Amino acid sequence: MTPDTAQPDTTQTEPVTAETENLREVIERARFVLFDFDGPICRLFAGHSAEDAAKNLVVWLEAQGLRGLLTEEERGHPDPHVVLRVVNKRHPHSDLVADLEELLTQDELKAVPSAWPTPFADPLIRTWTAVGVRLAVATNNSPRVVTRYLESRGLTECFAANVYGRTRNLDHLKPHPHTLNRALSALGAAPSAALMIGDTPSDFFAAQQAGVPFLGYARNGYKEELLRDAGAKDVVGSLEPVLRVLWGQA
């Protein structure tokens, strides 16, 4: 093999090595880990469409005679949290918002039995717990939903009731750092000693505001692009390399 043909192999492996070293540093300095729920732990709506949940909110509003509360674009949005945010913006802290939030919670609860565990998430959670890292969930989903899912996977003890999610004060949804700050306070954790694992720009922005280092999880190229564009530097396409670091295999 000539030097000319060998050179591409060398230049290809160097970035991978640097990336692995950086990932190892990010993981090994974390004494507390805050997980987003829908994405890094599971795909909540894998078998029960989030778009259907959003439509249910819209249909419910229309049944209350409130069709005009949403624009045509908002009525067709596939994310139920967008509908919640819009209604909260126009009727903040109202009974209407409370009823709508409970309706979404019920749809989320229905989705739990068909949720897909994120590959490598369960062993990663158990391994981090085994090595003494304390865990919490900081999410825009209902904490009742997270608790039910964790129970179904036998993961409840790994989080020791440290689940912080959506309340009826929708101003506290991420990117607001409220759930992260609650988790840090409960854990007695300095932000610099923690790590947030999330899959959306709102997770990244919440971590920034809370002063917590961030590791992005992107299950596809589109998700990765969104995180990179938001400013996230450390992003993995699978939780396997994170687990391999903890096992001393990377």
C-alpha atoms as a PDB file:
ATOM      1  CA  MET A   1       0.000   0.000   0.000  1.00  0.00           C
ATOM      2  CA  THR A   2       1.400   3.425  -0.928  1.00  0.00           C
ATOM      3  CA  PRO A   3       1.469   6.419   1.452  1.00  0.00           C
ATOM      4  CA  ASP A   4      -1.132   8.103  -0.747  1.00  0.00           C
ATOM      5  CA  THR A   5      -3.641   5.325  -0.212  1.00  0.00           C
ATOM      6  CA  ALA A   6      -2.862   4.945   3.493  1.00  0.00           C
ATOM      7  CA  GLN A   7      -3.413   8.611   4.353  1.00  0.00           C
ATOM      8  CA  PRO A   8      -7.259   8.629   4.183  1.00  0.00           C
ATOM      9  CA  ASP A   9      -7.443   5.858   6.817  1.00  0.00           C
ATOM     10  CA  THR A  10      -5.340   7.930   9.238  1.00  0.00           C
ATOM     11  CA  THR A  11      -7.355  11.095   8.804  1.00  0.00           C
ATOM     12  CA  GLN A  12     -10.593   9.151   9.165  1.00  0.00           C
ATOM     13  CA  THR A  13      -9.731   7.554  12.509  1.00  0.00           C
ATOM     14  CA  GLU A  14      -8.414  10.706  14.244  1.00  0.00           C
ATOM     15  CA  PRO A  15     -11.795  12.514  14.520  1.00  0.00           C
ATOM     16  CA  VAL A  16     -13.447   9.320  15.804  1.00  0.00           C
ATOM     17  CA  THR A  17     -10.779   8.953  18.506  1.00  0.00           C
ATOM     18  CA  ALA A  18     -11.121  12.593  19.524  1.00  0.00           C
ATOM     19  CA  GLU A  19     -14.897  12.252  19.629  1.00  0.00           C
ATOM     20  CA  THR A  20     -14.655   9.140  21.798  1.00  0.00           C
ATOM     21  CA  GLU A  21     -12.244  10.864  24.179  1.00  0.00           C
ATOM     22  CA  ASN A  22     -14.566  13.841  24.460  1.00  0.00           C
ATOM     23  CA  LEU A  23     -17.561  11.589  25.112  1.00  0.00           C
ATOM     24  CA  ARG A  24     -15.623   9.734  27.802  1.00  0.00           C
ATOM     25  CA  GLU A  25     -14.763  13.018  29.508  1.00  0.00           C
ATOM     26  CA  VAL A  26     -18.384  14.217  29.418  1.00  0.00           C
ATOM     27  CA  ILE A  27     -19.653  10.963  30.907  1.00  0.00           C
ATOM     28  CA  GLU A  28     -16.978  10.336  33.512  1.00  0.00           C
ATOM     29  CA  ARG A  29     -17.256  13.761  35.132  1.00  0.00           C
ATOM     30  CA  ALA A  30     -21.021  13.398  35.667  1.00  0.00           C
ATOM     31  CA  ARG A  31     -22.077  12.483  39.201  1.00  0.00           C
ATOM     32  CA  PHE A  32     -25.751  13.170  38.503  1.00  0.00           C
ATOM     33  CA  VAL A  33     -27.638  12.502  35.268  1.00  0.00           C
ATOM     34  CA  LEU A  34     -30.906  14.161  34.280  1.00  0.00           C
ATOM     35  CA  PHE A  35     -32.801  12.341  31.543  1.00  0.00           C
ATOM     36  CA  ASP A  36     -35.437  13.756  29.286  1.00  0.00           C
ATOM     37  CA  PHE A  37     -38.129  11.072  29.001  1.00  0.00           C
ATOM     38  CA  ASP A  38     -39.673  10.832  25.527  1.00  0.00           C
ATOM     39  CA  GLY A  39     -36.617  10.183  23.359  1.00  0.00           C
ATOM     40  CA  PRO A  40     -33.659   9.201  25.545  1.00  0.00           C
ATOM     41  CA  ILE A  41     -35.634   6.706  27.680  1.00  0.00           C
ATOM     42  CA  CYS A  42     -38.381   5.618  25.286  1.00  0.00           C
ATOM     43  CA  ARG A  43     -40.481   6.576  22.288  1.00  0.00           C
ATOM     44  CA  LEU A  44     -43.703   7.221  24.154  1.00  0.00           C
ATOM     45  CA  PHE A  45     -45.928   7.534  21.093  1.00  0.00           C
ATOM     46  CA  ALA A  46     -44.367   4.718  19.086  1.00  0.00           C
ATOM     47  CA  GLY A  47     -47.651   2.814  18.971  1.00  0.00           C
ATOM     48  CA  HIS A  48     -50.062   5.611  19.841  1.00  0.00           C
ATOM     49  CA  SER A  49     -49.631   8.670  17.650  1.00  0.00           C
ATOM     50  CA  ALA A  50     -48.632  12.014  19.155  1.00  0.00           C
ATOM     51  CA  GLU A  51     -50.450  13.570  16.212  1.00  0.00           C
ATOM     52  CA  ASP A  52     -53.635  11.813  17.339  1.00  0.00           C
ATOM     53  CA  ALA A  53     -53.105  13.220  20.832  1.00  0.00           C
ATOM     54  CA  ALA A  54     -52.804  16.716  19.345  1.00  0.00           C
ATOM     55  CA  LYS A  55     -55.987  16.157  17.302  1.00  0.00           C
ATOM     56  CA  ASN A  56     -57.817  15.043  20.440  1.00  0.00           C
ATOM     57  CA  LEU A  57     -56.984  18.358  22.087  1.00  0.00           C
ATOM     58  CA  VAL A  58     -58.241  20.260  19.052  1.00  0.00           C
ATOM     59  CA  VAL A  59     -61.458  18.235  18.874  1.00  0.00           C
ATOM     60  CA  TRP A  60     -62.048  18.807  22.579  1.00  0.00           C
ATOM     61  CA  LEU A  61     -61.595  22.565  22.165  1.00  0.00           C
ATOM     62  CA  GLU A  62     -64.029  22.581  19.253  1.00  0.00           C
ATOM     63  CA  ALA A  63     -66.568  20.680  21.374  1.00  0.00           C
ATOM     64  CA  GLN A  64     -66.321  23.492  23.909  1.00  0.00           C
ATOM     65  CA  GLY A  65     -67.164  25.994  21.170  1.00  0.00           C
ATOM     66  CA  LEU A  66     -63.569  27.259  21.046  1.00  0.00           C
ATOM     67  CA  ARG A  67     -62.577  26.452  17.471  1.00  0.00           C
ATOM     68  CA  GLY A  68     -61.601  30.064  16.886  1.00  0.00           C
ATOM     69  CA  LEU A  69     -59.021  29.883  19.677  1.00  0.00           C
ATOM     70  CA  LEU A  70     -56.547  28.232  17.309  1.00  0.00           C
ATOM     71  CA  THR A  71     -55.370  29.226  13.847  1.00  0.00           C
ATOM     72  CA  GLU A  72     -55.692  26.743  10.999  1.00  0.00           C
ATOM     73  CA  GLU A  73     -51.971  25.979  11.245  1.00  0.00           C
ATOM     74  CA  GLU A  74     -52.201  25.419  15.000  1.00  0.00           C
ATOM     75  CA  ARG A  75     -55.181  23.097  14.581  1.00  0.00           C
ATOM     76  CA  GLY A  76     -53.122  20.908  12.271  1.00  0.00           C
ATOM     77  CA  HIS A  77     -49.916  20.854  14.319  1.00  0.00           C
ATOM     78  CA  PRO A  78     -48.741  17.307  15.144  1.00  0.00           C
ATOM     79  CA  ASP A  79     -47.246  18.205  18.539  1.00  0.00           C
ATOM     80  CA  PRO A  80     -49.784  18.300  21.415  1.00  0.00           C
ATOM     81  CA  HIS A  81     -47.451  20.480  23.468  1.00  0.00           C
ATOM     82  CA  VAL A  82     -47.742  23.188  20.830  1.00  0.00           C
ATOM     83  CA  VAL A  83     -51.525  23.202  21.289  1.00  0.00           C
ATOM     84  CA  LEU A  84     -51.079  23.373  25.064  1.00  0.00           C
ATOM     85  CA  ARG A  85     -48.640  26.269  24.810  1.00  0.00           C
ATOM     86  CA  VAL A  86     -50.931  28.227  22.482  1.00  0.00           C
ATOM     87  CA  VAL A  87     -53.966  27.844  24.724  1.00  0.00           C
ATOM     88  CA  ASN A  88     -51.917  28.716  27.796  1.00  0.00           C
ATOM     89  CA  LYS A  89     -50.613  31.837  26.076  1.00  0.00           C
ATOM     90  CA  ARG A  90     -54.151  33.015  25.308  1.00  0.00           C
ATOM     91  CA  HIS A  91     -55.760  31.844  28.573  1.00  0.00           C
ATOM     92  CA  PRO A  92     -52.896  31.564  31.062  1.00  0.00           C
ATOM     93  CA  HIS A  93     -53.384  29.487  34.216  1.00  0.00           C
ATOM     94  CA  SER A  94     -57.084  28.973  33.483  1.00  0.00           C
ATOM     95  CA  ASP A  95     -59.384  26.021  34.149  1.00  0.00           C
ATOM     96  CA  LEU A  96     -59.388  25.546  30.384  1.00  0.00           C
ATOM     97  CA  VAL A  97     -55.634  24.948  30.413  1.00  0.00           C
ATOM     98  CA  ALA A  98     -55.940  22.594  33.400  1.00  0.00           C
ATOM     99  CA  ASP A  99     -58.598  20.525  31.625  1.00  0.00           C
ATOM    100  CA  LEU A 100     -56.565  20.407  28.427  1.00  0.00           C
ATOM    101  CA  GLU A 101     -53.432  19.346  30.293  1.00  0.00           C
ATOM    102  CA  GLU A 102     -55.323  16.522  31.998  1.00  0.00           C
ATOM    103  CA  LEU A 103     -56.691  15.379  28.636  1.00  0.00           C
ATOM    104  CA  LEU A 104     -53.155  15.158  27.271  1.00  0.00           C
ATOM    105  CA  THR A 105     -52.012  13.282  30.375  1.00  0.00           C
ATOM    106  CA  GLN A 106     -54.718  10.684  29.785  1.00  0.00           C
ATOM    107  CA  ASP A 107     -53.553  10.232  26.174  1.00  0.00           C
ATOM    108  CA  GLU A 108     -49.961   9.862  27.375  1.00  0.00           C
ATOM    109  CA  LEU A 109     -51.030   7.236  29.916  1.00  0.00           C
ATOM    110  CA  LYS A 110     -52.778   5.291  27.154  1.00  0.00           C
ATOM    111  CA  ALA A 111     -49.537   5.365  25.161  1.00  0.00           C
ATOM    112  CA  VAL A 112     -47.381   3.799  27.891  1.00  0.00           C
ATOM    113  CA  PRO A 113     -48.168   0.120  27.151  1.00  0.00           C
ATOM    114  CA  SER A 114     -47.089   0.498  23.507  1.00  0.00           C
ATOM    115  CA  ALA A 115     -44.062   2.739  24.154  1.00  0.00           C
ATOM    116  CA  TRP A 116     -40.777   1.497  22.695  1.00  0.00           C
ATOM    117  CA  PRO A 117     -37.770   1.455  25.035  1.00  0.00           C
ATOM    118  CA  THR A 118     -34.895   3.403  23.514  1.00  0.00           C
ATOM    119  CA  PRO A 119     -32.155   0.915  22.572  1.00  0.00           C
ATOM    120  CA  PHE A 120     -29.581   0.543  25.381  1.00  0.00           C
ATOM    121  CA  ALA A 121     -31.521   2.896  27.692  1.00  0.00           C
ATOM    122  CA  ASP A 122     -32.485   0.264  30.279  1.00  0.00           C
ATOM    123  CA  PRO A 123     -28.971  -1.176  30.770  1.00  0.00           C
ATOM    124  CA  LEU A 124     -27.503   2.326  30.714  1.00  0.00           C
ATOM    125  CA  ILE A 125     -29.831   3.440  33.508  1.00  0.00           C
ATOM    126  CA  ARG A 126     -29.065   0.335  35.559  1.00  0.00           C
ATOM    127  CA  THR A 127     -25.314   0.645  34.993  1.00  0.00           C
ATOM    128  CA  TRP A 128     -25.197   4.286  36.011  1.00  0.00           C
ATOM    129  CA  THR A 129     -27.140   3.418  39.141  1.00  0.00           C
ATOM    130  CA  ALA A 130     -24.793   0.506  39.911  1.00  0.00           C
ATOM    131  CA  VAL A 131     -21.708   2.752  39.787  1.00  0.00           C
ATOM    132  CA  GLY A 132     -23.274   5.256  42.187  1.00  0.00           C
ATOM    133  CA  VAL A 133     -24.453   7.988  39.815  1.00  0.00           C
ATOM    134  CA  ARG A 134     -27.771   9.456  40.920  1.00  0.00           C
ATOM    135  CA  LEU A 135     -30.491   9.846  38.306  1.00  0.00           C
ATOM    136  CA  ALA A 136     -33.552  12.015  37.719  1.00  0.00           C
ATOM    137  CA  VAL A 137     -36.047  12.659  34.939  1.00  0.00           C
ATOM    138  CA  ALA A 138     -36.717  16.222  33.788  1.00  0.00           C
ATOM    139  CA  THR A 139     -39.422  16.205  31.139  1.00  0.00           C
ATOM    140  CA  ASN A 140     -42.330  18.035  29.529  1.00  0.00           C
ATOM    141  CA  ASN A 141     -44.429  14.875  29.854  1.00  0.00           C
ATOM    142  CA  SER A 142     -46.632  14.212  32.844  1.00  0.00           C
ATOM    143  CA  PRO A 143     -44.712  12.777  35.818  1.00  0.00           C
ATOM    144  CA  ARG A 144     -47.559  10.280  36.248  1.00  0.00           C
ATOM    145  CA  VAL A 145     -46.747   8.920  32.804  1.00  0.00           C
ATOM    146  CA  VAL A 146     -43.020   8.658  33.507  1.00  0.00           C
ATOM    147  CA  THR A 147     -43.670   6.862  36.792  1.00  0.00           C
ATOM    148  CA  ARG A 148     -45.962   4.345  35.132  1.00  0.00           C
ATOM    149  CA  TYR A 149     -43.451   3.641  32.379  1.00  0.00           C
ATOM    150  CA  LEU A 150     -40.545   3.214  34.816  1.00  0.00           C
ATOM    151  CA  GLU A 151     -42.645   0.808  36.868  1.00  0.00           C
ATOM    152  CA  SER A 152     -43.389  -1.244  33.749  1.00  0.00           C
ATOM    153  CA  ARG A 153     -39.650  -1.596  33.057  1.00  0.00           C
ATOM    154  CA  GLY A 154     -38.562  -2.267  36.623  1.00  0.00           C
ATOM    155  CA  LEU A 155     -36.591   0.989  36.708  1.00  0.00           C
ATOM    156  CA  THR A 156     -38.397   2.851  39.498  1.00  0.00           C
ATOM    157  CA  GLU A 157     -35.680   2.332  42.112  1.00  0.00           C
ATOM    158  CA  CYS A 158     -33.025   3.694  39.765  1.00  0.00           C
ATOM    159  CA  PHE A 159     -34.640   7.132  39.968  1.00  0.00           C
ATOM    160  CA  ALA A 160     -35.719   7.054  43.635  1.00  0.00           C
ATOM    161  CA  ALA A 161     -38.852   9.116  42.904  1.00  0.00           C
ATOM    162  CA  ASN A 162     -36.812  11.890  41.287  1.00  0.00           C
ATOM    163  CA  VAL A 163     -39.233  12.518  38.430  1.00  0.00           C
ATOM    164  CA  TYR A 164     -39.986  16.120  37.515  1.00  0.00           C
ATOM    165  CA  GLY A 165     -42.403  16.787  34.703  1.00  0.00           C
ATOM    166  CA  ARG A 166     -45.233  18.881  33.385  1.00  0.00           C
ATOM    167  CA  THR A 167     -47.437  20.683  35.862  1.00  0.00           C
ATOM    168  CA  ARG A 168     -50.456  22.841  35.137  1.00  0.00           C
ATOM    169  CA  ASN A 169     -48.153  25.846  35.126  1.00  0.00           C
ATOM    170  CA  LEU A 170     -47.231  25.467  31.465  1.00  0.00           C
ATOM    171  CA  ASP A 171     -44.890  28.438  31.636  1.00  0.00           C
ATOM    172  CA  HIS A 172     -42.457  25.971  33.211  1.00  0.00           C
ATOM    173  CA  LEU A 173     -42.240  23.670  30.203  1.00  0.00           C
ATOM    174  CA  LYS A 174     -38.755  23.373  28.742  1.00  0.00           C
ATOM    175  CA  PRO A 175     -36.910  25.367  27.458  1.00  0.00           C
ATOM    176  CA  HIS A 176     -37.637  26.883  30.873  1.00  0.00           C
ATOM    177  CA  PRO A 177     -35.135  25.256  33.280  1.00  0.00           C
ATOM    178  CA  HIS A 178     -37.733  24.687  36.024  1.00  0.00           C
ATOM    179  CA  THR A 179     -37.755  20.869  35.921  1.00  0.00           C
ATOM    180  CA  LEU A 180     -33.962  20.716  35.774  1.00  0.00           C
ATOM    181  CA  ASN A 181     -33.620  23.091  38.715  1.00  0.00           C
ATOM    182  CA  ARG A 182     -36.094  21.032  40.731  1.00  0.00           C
ATOM    183  CA  ALA A 183     -34.118  17.886  39.980  1.00  0.00           C
ATOM    184  CA  LEU A 184     -30.794  19.493  40.890  1.00  0.00           C
ATOM    185  CA  SER A 185     -32.227  20.784  44.160  1.00  0.00           C
ATOM    186  CA  ALA A 186     -33.681  17.385  45.100  1.00  0.00           C
ATOM    187  CA  LEU A 187     -30.403  15.635  44.306  1.00  0.00           C
ATOM    188  CA  GLY A 188     -28.297  18.247  46.070  1.00  0.00           C
ATOM    189  CA  ALA A 189     -26.319  18.528  42.851  1.00  0.00           C
ATOM    190  CA  ALA A 190     -24.135  21.326  41.604  1.00  0.00           C
ATOM    191  CA  PRO A 191     -25.046  21.998  37.951  1.00  0.00           C
ATOM    192  CA  SER A 192     -21.453  21.439  36.824  1.00  0.00           C
ATOM    193  CA  ALA A 193     -21.473  17.939  38.361  1.00  0.00           C
ATOM    194  CA  ALA A 194     -24.590  16.931  36.423  1.00  0.00           C
ATOM    195  CA  LEU A 195     -25.313  15.904  32.839  1.00  0.00           C
ATOM    196  CA  MET A 196     -28.556  16.407  30.919  1.00  0.00           C
ATOM    197  CA  ILE A 197     -29.419  13.901  28.186  1.00  0.00           C
ATOM    198  CA  GLY A 198     -32.071  15.219  25.811  1.00  0.00           C
ATOM    199  CA  ASP A 199     -33.172  14.962  22.200  1.00  0.00           C
ATOM    200  CA  THR A 200     -34.598  18.398  21.404  1.00  0.00           C
ATOM    201  CA  PRO A 201     -33.349  21.981  21.241  1.00  0.00           C
ATOM    202  CA  SER A 202     -35.658  22.820  24.171  1.00  0.00           C
ATOM    203  CA  ASP A 203     -33.731  20.282  26.289  1.00  0.00           C
ATOM    204  CA  PHE A 204     -30.458  21.907  25.256  1.00  0.00           C
ATOM    205  CA  PHE A 205     -31.675  25.435  26.010  1.00  0.00           C
ATOM    206  CA  ALA A 206     -33.043  24.368  29.401  1.00  0.00           C
ATOM    207  CA  ALA A 207     -29.695  22.761  30.265  1.00  0.00           C
ATOM    208  CA  GLN A 208     -27.880  25.921  29.202  1.00  0.00           C
ATOM    209  CA  GLN A 209     -30.039  28.076  31.452  1.00  0.00           C
ATOM    210  CA  ALA A 210     -29.574  25.684  34.368  1.00  0.00           C
ATOM    211  CA  GLY A 211     -25.797  25.575  33.817  1.00  0.00           C
ATOM    212  CA  VAL A 212     -25.824  21.806  33.222  1.00  0.00           C
ATOM    213  CA  PRO A 213     -23.564  20.109  30.637  1.00  0.00           C
ATOM    214  CA  PHE A 214     -25.592  18.565  27.813  1.00  0.00           C
ATOM    215  CA  LEU A 215     -25.399  15.374  25.798  1.00  0.00           C
ATOM    216  CA  GLY A 216     -27.732  15.186  22.830  1.00  0.00           C
ATOM    217  CA  TYR A 217     -29.385  11.963  21.734  1.00  0.00           C
ATOM    218  CA  ALA A 218     -30.477  11.974  18.091  1.00  0.00           C
ATOM    219  CA  ARG A 219     -32.120   8.834  16.711  1.00  0.00           C
ATOM    220  CA  ASN A 220     -31.957  10.184  13.149  1.00  0.00           C
ATOM    221  CA  GLY A 221     -30.204  12.788  11.048  1.00  0.00           C
ATOM    222  CA  TYR A 222     -33.048  15.283  11.310  1.00  0.00           C
ATOM    223  CA  LYS A 223     -32.919  15.223  15.103  1.00  0.00           C
ATOM    224  CA  GLU A 224     -29.145  15.624  15.023  1.00  0.00           C
ATOM    225  CA  GLU A 225     -29.371  18.596  12.674  1.00  0.00           C
ATOM    226  CA  LEU A 226     -31.842  20.327  14.989  1.00  0.00           C
ATOM    227  CA  LEU A 227     -29.572  19.801  17.992  1.00  0.00           C
ATOM    228  CA  ARG A 228     -26.444  20.904  16.148  1.00  0.00           C
ATOM    229  CA  ASP A 229     -28.183  24.005  14.797  1.00  0.00           C
ATOM    230  CA  ALA A 230     -29.282  24.871  18.340  1.00  0.00           C
ATOM    231  CA  GLY A 231     -25.644  24.775  19.443  1.00  0.00           C
ATOM    232  CA  ALA A 232     -25.268  21.310  20.976  1.00  0.00           C
ATOM    233  CA  LYS A 233     -21.705  20.093  20.513  1.00  0.00           C
ATOM    234  CA  ASP A 234     -21.902  16.617  22.030  1.00  0.00           C
ATOM    235  CA  VAL A 235     -24.477  14.468  20.213  1.00  0.00           C
ATOM    236  CA  VAL A 236     -24.738  10.677  19.881  1.00  0.00           C
ATOM    237  CA  GLY A 237     -26.920   8.713  17.503  1.00  0.00           C
ATOM    238  CA  SER A 238     -27.157   5.781  19.905  1.00  0.00           C
ATOM    239  CA  LEU A 239     -26.803   5.277  23.650  1.00  0.00           C
ATOM    240  CA  GLU A 240     -24.525   2.287  23.012  1.00  0.00           C
ATOM    241  CA  PRO A 241     -21.264   4.307  23.052  1.00  0.00           C
ATOM    242  CA  VAL A 242     -22.330   5.900  26.345  1.00  0.00           C
ATOM    243  CA  LEU A 243     -22.867   2.437  27.822  1.00  0.00           C
ATOM    244  CA  ARG A 244     -19.533   1.232  26.433  1.00  0.00           C
ATOM    245  CA  VAL A 245     -17.750   4.095  28.213  1.00  0.00           C
ATOM    246  CA  LEU A 246     -19.334   3.070  31.508  1.00  0.00           C
ATOM    247  CA  TRP A 247     -18.321  -0.542  30.869  1.00  0.00           C
ATOM    248  CA  GLY A 248     -14.743   0.564  30.156  1.00  0.00           C
ATOM    249  CA  GLN A 249     -14.959  -0.628  26.557  1.00  0.00           C
ATOM    250  CA  ALA A 250     -14.411   2.738  24.854  1.00  0.00           C
END
